Protein backbone atom coordinates (compact mmCIF):
# COMPACT_ATOMS: atom_id res chain seq x y z
CA MET A 1 2.43 8.33 18.52
CA SER A 2 1.23 5.17 17.50
CA ALA A 3 1.40 4.84 14.11
CA LYS A 4 -1.76 4.08 11.94
CA ILE A 5 -0.96 0.95 9.79
CA VAL A 6 -2.54 1.07 6.12
CA THR A 7 -2.52 -1.88 4.08
CA ILE A 8 -2.49 -1.52 0.06
CA ALA A 9 -4.16 -4.41 -1.38
CA ASN A 10 -5.81 -6.36 -4.02
CA GLN A 11 -5.39 -9.51 -5.59
CA LYS A 12 -5.70 -8.47 -8.89
CA GLY A 13 -2.19 -7.10 -10.23
CA GLY A 14 -1.70 -3.87 -12.24
CA VAL A 15 -4.53 -1.72 -10.52
CA GLY A 16 -1.97 0.63 -9.51
CA LYS A 17 -1.04 -0.62 -5.92
CA THR A 18 2.87 0.31 -5.82
CA THR A 19 1.93 3.54 -7.75
CA THR A 20 -0.69 4.35 -4.64
CA ALA A 21 1.63 3.39 -2.19
CA ILE A 22 4.71 5.40 -3.31
CA ASN A 23 2.86 8.21 -4.14
CA LEU A 24 0.13 8.79 -1.36
CA ALA A 25 3.01 8.24 1.24
CA ALA A 26 5.01 10.86 -0.29
CA ALA A 27 2.26 13.39 -0.67
CA LEU A 28 1.64 12.87 3.14
CA VAL A 29 5.26 13.38 3.64
CA GLY A 30 4.58 16.84 1.91
CA LEU A 31 2.16 17.23 4.36
CA ARG A 32 4.73 16.89 7.23
CA LYS A 33 3.80 13.20 8.17
CA LYS A 34 6.59 11.04 9.26
CA VAL A 35 5.84 7.69 7.34
CA LEU A 36 7.06 4.20 6.62
CA LEU A 37 6.68 2.29 3.51
CA ILE A 38 6.77 -1.78 3.70
CA ASP A 39 7.43 -3.19 0.42
CA SER A 40 5.87 -6.84 0.65
CA ASP A 41 5.72 -7.70 -2.77
CA PRO A 42 8.50 -10.11 -3.58
CA GLN A 43 8.80 -8.16 -7.11
CA GLY A 44 10.21 -5.22 -5.24
CA ASN A 45 8.92 -2.55 -7.33
CA ALA A 46 8.20 -0.14 -4.66
CA SER A 47 11.76 -0.55 -3.54
CA SER A 48 13.13 0.36 -6.85
CA GLY A 49 10.18 2.97 -7.23
CA LEU A 50 11.84 5.26 -4.36
CA GLY A 51 15.37 4.73 -5.53
CA ILE A 52 16.56 1.70 -3.96
CA ALA A 53 18.48 -0.83 -5.65
CA VAL A 54 18.65 -4.22 -5.36
CA LYS A 55 22.25 -4.05 -4.52
CA LYS A 56 21.35 -1.99 -1.56
CA ARG A 57 18.86 -4.28 -0.45
CA GLU A 58 20.93 -6.98 1.49
CA LYS A 59 18.69 -6.26 4.94
CA ASN A 60 15.19 -6.36 3.58
CA LEU A 61 11.67 -7.59 4.56
CA TYR A 62 12.68 -11.27 4.43
CA SER A 63 15.84 -10.52 6.53
CA LEU A 64 13.19 -9.54 9.17
CA TYR A 65 10.66 -12.62 8.45
CA SER A 66 13.93 -14.94 8.80
CA GLY A 67 14.90 -12.93 12.11
CA VAL A 68 18.37 -12.36 10.55
CA CYS A 69 18.96 -9.01 11.48
CA ASP A 70 17.33 -5.97 13.84
CA VAL A 71 14.35 -4.44 12.23
CA SER A 72 16.35 -0.87 12.15
CA ALA A 73 18.82 -2.53 9.94
CA ALA A 74 16.10 -3.14 7.43
CA VAL A 75 15.21 0.27 7.47
CA PHE A 76 16.58 3.03 4.56
CA PRO A 77 15.78 6.08 3.72
CA SER A 78 14.30 6.79 0.26
CA SER A 79 14.98 9.05 -2.64
CA VAL A 80 11.44 11.21 -0.99
CA PRO A 81 13.39 13.08 2.07
CA GLY A 82 11.21 12.11 5.08
CA LEU A 83 9.76 8.77 3.72
CA ASP A 84 11.53 5.31 4.78
CA ILE A 85 11.29 2.09 3.55
CA ILE A 86 11.70 -1.48 4.52
CA PRO A 87 12.37 -2.91 1.00
CA ALA A 88 11.90 -6.37 -0.56
CA THR A 89 13.76 -8.66 -3.19
CA ILE A 90 12.67 -11.60 -4.89
CA ASP A 91 13.71 -13.89 -1.75
CA LEU A 92 10.54 -12.81 0.42
CA VAL A 93 8.76 -15.67 -1.68
CA ALA A 94 10.55 -18.03 0.25
CA ALA A 95 8.79 -16.24 3.14
CA GLU A 96 5.36 -17.74 2.16
CA LEU A 97 6.64 -21.65 2.11
CA GLU A 98 8.86 -20.57 5.69
CA LEU A 99 5.84 -18.98 7.32
CA ILE A 100 3.90 -22.24 7.00
CA ASP A 101 5.54 -24.01 9.65
CA GLN A 102 5.50 -21.06 12.34
CA ASN A 103 3.24 -20.38 15.25
CA GLU A 104 0.82 -17.71 14.67
CA ARG A 105 2.47 -17.43 10.99
CA GLU A 106 -0.21 -14.53 10.48
CA LYS A 107 1.14 -12.13 13.01
CA SER A 108 4.75 -12.54 12.19
CA LEU A 109 4.59 -9.37 10.36
CA SER A 110 2.68 -7.43 13.70
CA ARG A 111 5.46 -8.49 15.39
CA ILE A 112 8.25 -7.18 13.28
CA LEU A 113 6.38 -3.83 13.09
CA ALA A 114 5.84 -3.18 16.98
CA SER A 115 9.14 -1.29 17.71
CA LEU A 116 8.36 1.19 14.63
CA ARG A 117 5.01 1.97 15.67
CA GLU A 118 6.01 5.05 17.76
CA GLN A 119 8.32 6.20 15.17
CA TYR A 120 6.12 7.46 12.38
CA ASP A 121 2.55 8.55 11.71
CA PHE A 122 1.40 6.04 9.08
CA ILE A 123 3.02 3.17 7.97
CA PHE A 124 1.67 1.45 4.48
CA ILE A 125 2.31 -1.78 3.58
CA ASP A 126 2.19 -2.48 -0.40
CA CYS A 127 1.01 -6.15 -1.16
CA PRO A 128 1.83 -8.67 -3.78
CA PRO A 129 -1.01 -9.17 -6.01
CA SER A 130 -2.33 -12.70 -4.18
CA LEU A 131 -4.10 -13.80 -1.01
CA GLY A 132 -1.45 -15.39 0.54
CA LEU A 133 0.30 -15.12 3.91
CA LEU A 134 2.23 -12.24 2.87
CA THR A 135 -0.98 -10.52 2.31
CA ILE A 136 -2.12 -11.95 5.35
CA ASN A 137 0.27 -10.64 7.49
CA ALA A 138 -0.17 -7.32 6.26
CA LEU A 139 -3.84 -7.74 6.66
CA THR A 140 -3.07 -8.65 10.36
CA ALA A 141 -0.95 -6.16 10.73
CA GLY A 142 -2.90 -3.37 9.28
CA THR A 143 -5.16 -1.20 11.35
CA SER A 144 -7.29 -0.46 7.91
CA VAL A 145 -7.09 -1.57 4.33
CA LEU A 146 -6.99 0.30 1.38
CA ILE A 147 -8.09 -1.47 -2.06
CA PRO A 148 -6.83 0.53 -5.44
CA VAL A 149 -9.39 -0.60 -8.13
CA GLN A 150 -8.72 -0.12 -11.76
CA SER A 151 -11.32 1.67 -13.62
CA GLU A 152 -11.75 -0.91 -16.27
CA TYR A 153 -13.94 -4.02 -17.06
CA PHE A 154 -13.45 -6.91 -14.67
CA ALA A 155 -12.76 -4.00 -11.92
CA MET A 156 -15.36 -6.16 -9.73
CA GLU A 157 -13.56 -9.57 -10.31
CA GLY A 158 -11.88 -10.23 -7.14
CA LEU A 159 -13.10 -7.67 -4.90
CA ALA A 160 -15.78 -10.04 -3.23
CA GLN A 161 -12.91 -12.75 -2.50
CA LEU A 162 -10.86 -9.77 -1.29
CA VAL A 163 -13.73 -8.63 1.39
CA SER A 164 -14.29 -11.60 2.08
CA THR A 165 -10.65 -12.59 3.39
CA ILE A 166 -10.73 -9.06 5.07
CA ARG A 167 -13.87 -10.82 6.95
CA SER A 168 -11.76 -13.78 7.99
CA VAL A 169 -8.61 -11.83 9.03
CA LYS A 170 -11.23 -9.97 11.49
CA ARG A 171 -12.54 -13.00 12.53
CA GLY A 172 -9.47 -14.90 12.86
CA PHE A 173 -6.77 -12.25 13.73
CA ASN A 174 -7.71 -8.43 13.84
CA PRO A 175 -10.87 -7.74 15.19
CA ASP A 176 -10.60 -3.97 14.69
CA LEU A 177 -9.49 -3.83 10.64
CA TYR A 178 -11.89 -2.08 8.41
CA ILE A 179 -11.85 -0.72 5.25
CA GLU A 180 -9.98 2.53 4.41
CA GLY A 181 -11.59 3.14 1.44
CA LEU A 182 -11.63 2.09 -2.14
CA LEU A 183 -9.66 4.57 -4.73
CA LEU A 184 -10.22 4.47 -8.39
CA THR A 185 -7.13 4.20 -10.59
CA MET A 186 -6.05 4.81 -14.37
CA PHE A 187 -9.43 6.93 -14.67
CA ASP A 188 -10.06 8.13 -18.27
CA LYS A 189 -12.89 10.39 -18.29
CA ARG A 190 -13.16 10.47 -22.01
CA ASN A 191 -13.70 6.69 -21.68
CA ARG A 192 -17.51 6.35 -20.95
CA LEU A 193 -16.72 2.11 -19.63
CA ALA A 194 -14.62 4.02 -16.91
CA HIS A 195 -17.61 6.20 -15.90
CA GLN A 196 -19.74 2.90 -15.88
CA VAL A 197 -17.32 1.21 -13.98
CA GLY A 198 -17.17 3.97 -11.39
CA GLU A 199 -21.06 3.69 -11.01
CA GLU A 200 -21.02 -0.25 -10.81
CA ILE A 201 -18.33 0.23 -7.98
CA GLY A 202 -19.95 2.92 -6.29
CA ARG A 203 -23.43 0.89 -6.17
CA HIS A 204 -21.64 -1.60 -4.22
CA PHE A 205 -19.24 0.53 -2.02
CA ALA A 206 -20.44 3.97 -2.21
CA PRO A 207 -19.82 4.57 1.44
CA TYR A 208 -15.68 3.23 1.16
CA MET A 209 -15.24 5.05 -2.14
CA PHE A 210 -12.57 8.19 -2.08
CA LYS A 211 -13.98 11.03 -3.93
CA THR A 212 -10.47 11.94 -5.57
CA LEU A 213 -10.41 9.81 -8.88
CA ILE A 214 -6.63 9.03 -10.01
CA PRO A 215 -6.55 9.54 -13.88
CA ARG A 216 -4.49 7.51 -16.19
CA ASN A 217 -1.00 9.47 -16.48
CA VAL A 218 1.92 9.58 -18.22
CA LYS A 219 4.12 10.85 -15.56
CA LEU A 220 2.67 8.67 -13.09
CA SER A 221 3.97 5.82 -15.58
CA GLU A 222 7.94 7.44 -15.74
CA ALA A 223 8.40 8.33 -12.52
CA PRO A 224 9.25 4.98 -11.37
CA SER A 225 11.85 4.13 -13.60
CA HIS A 226 13.50 7.03 -12.24
CA GLY A 227 13.19 5.73 -8.47
CA ARG A 228 11.39 8.96 -8.17
CA SER A 229 7.85 9.48 -6.56
CA VAL A 230 5.54 11.39 -8.85
CA HIS A 231 5.54 14.20 -7.03
CA ASP A 232 9.42 14.86 -7.35
CA TYR A 233 9.54 14.02 -11.05
CA ASP A 234 6.38 16.55 -12.27
CA ALA A 235 4.77 18.12 -9.25
CA ARG A 236 2.22 19.90 -11.62
CA SER A 237 1.42 16.72 -13.48
CA ALA A 238 -2.35 15.57 -13.49
CA GLY A 239 -1.34 12.51 -11.11
CA ALA A 240 0.64 14.55 -8.66
CA ILE A 241 -2.13 16.81 -7.86
CA ALA A 242 -4.21 13.74 -7.56
CA TYR A 243 -2.69 11.97 -5.27
CA ARG A 244 -2.12 15.24 -3.63
CA TYR A 245 -5.87 15.43 -2.99
CA VAL A 246 -6.10 11.98 -1.90
CA ALA A 247 -3.57 12.79 0.93
CA GLU A 248 -5.72 15.40 1.91
CA GLU A 249 -9.23 13.58 1.93
CA PHE A 250 -7.34 10.36 3.73
CA LEU A 251 -6.52 13.15 6.33
CA ARG A 252 -10.04 14.39 6.40
CA ARG A 253 -10.68 10.67 7.06
CA GLN A 254 -8.78 10.37 9.82
CA GLU A 255 -9.85 13.22 11.56
CA GLY A 256 -13.38 11.86 11.13
CA ILE A 257 -12.23 8.47 12.85
CA SER A 258 -10.69 10.18 15.97
CA GLY A 259 -13.52 12.75 15.96
């Protein structure tokens, strides 16, 4: 077993990256997959959303970038049994500055994760809303990129830049990197604009689009404040059902790739 590493990226904030990271990972655990989530956002929302209090994050992703602890010491069980996490704290901001002076700085995260790949089926990396060195490291470490896109005006803004960055990483550091797919989030089927945005993105990225749409759903918004995935918080909510469908669609895509 060598884990597929899926980098969840979009430099626009508030598009559902962390929500997708937590709930897709948790849904895959529900389908009996071994999953690790890397919180690569200094805000640490994936960490708190999976029940890892700040005071329990003495060992974290920044510790690994700094080389002050073994990788295994920074891996914690989350509130979802079977889903592990390497948490983040605001200290991770410093990693961007410290990486600048390192040799092969873009490959630091790849080196960190090398010893973990045999222990999991999937490793997800939740990126910050930027295209700095933390995101470049995540793209260099990744097998593929999953791009959540909010179903609202300006959704296309930044996508071209992200795709350009992905191409640059492919050329320079990770030739096998590919786009896993685009996932429409916060979709309100009553809103005509949401449908128009979906159609517009489909015109440009049709082969990459997940068929499942993630709806606007209050349970998805509430679950992180309780440190739980939406599947644990309200398994019958529209948000939980949607992410289970995404997990099944994601696994079918893997079968298509391996087949």
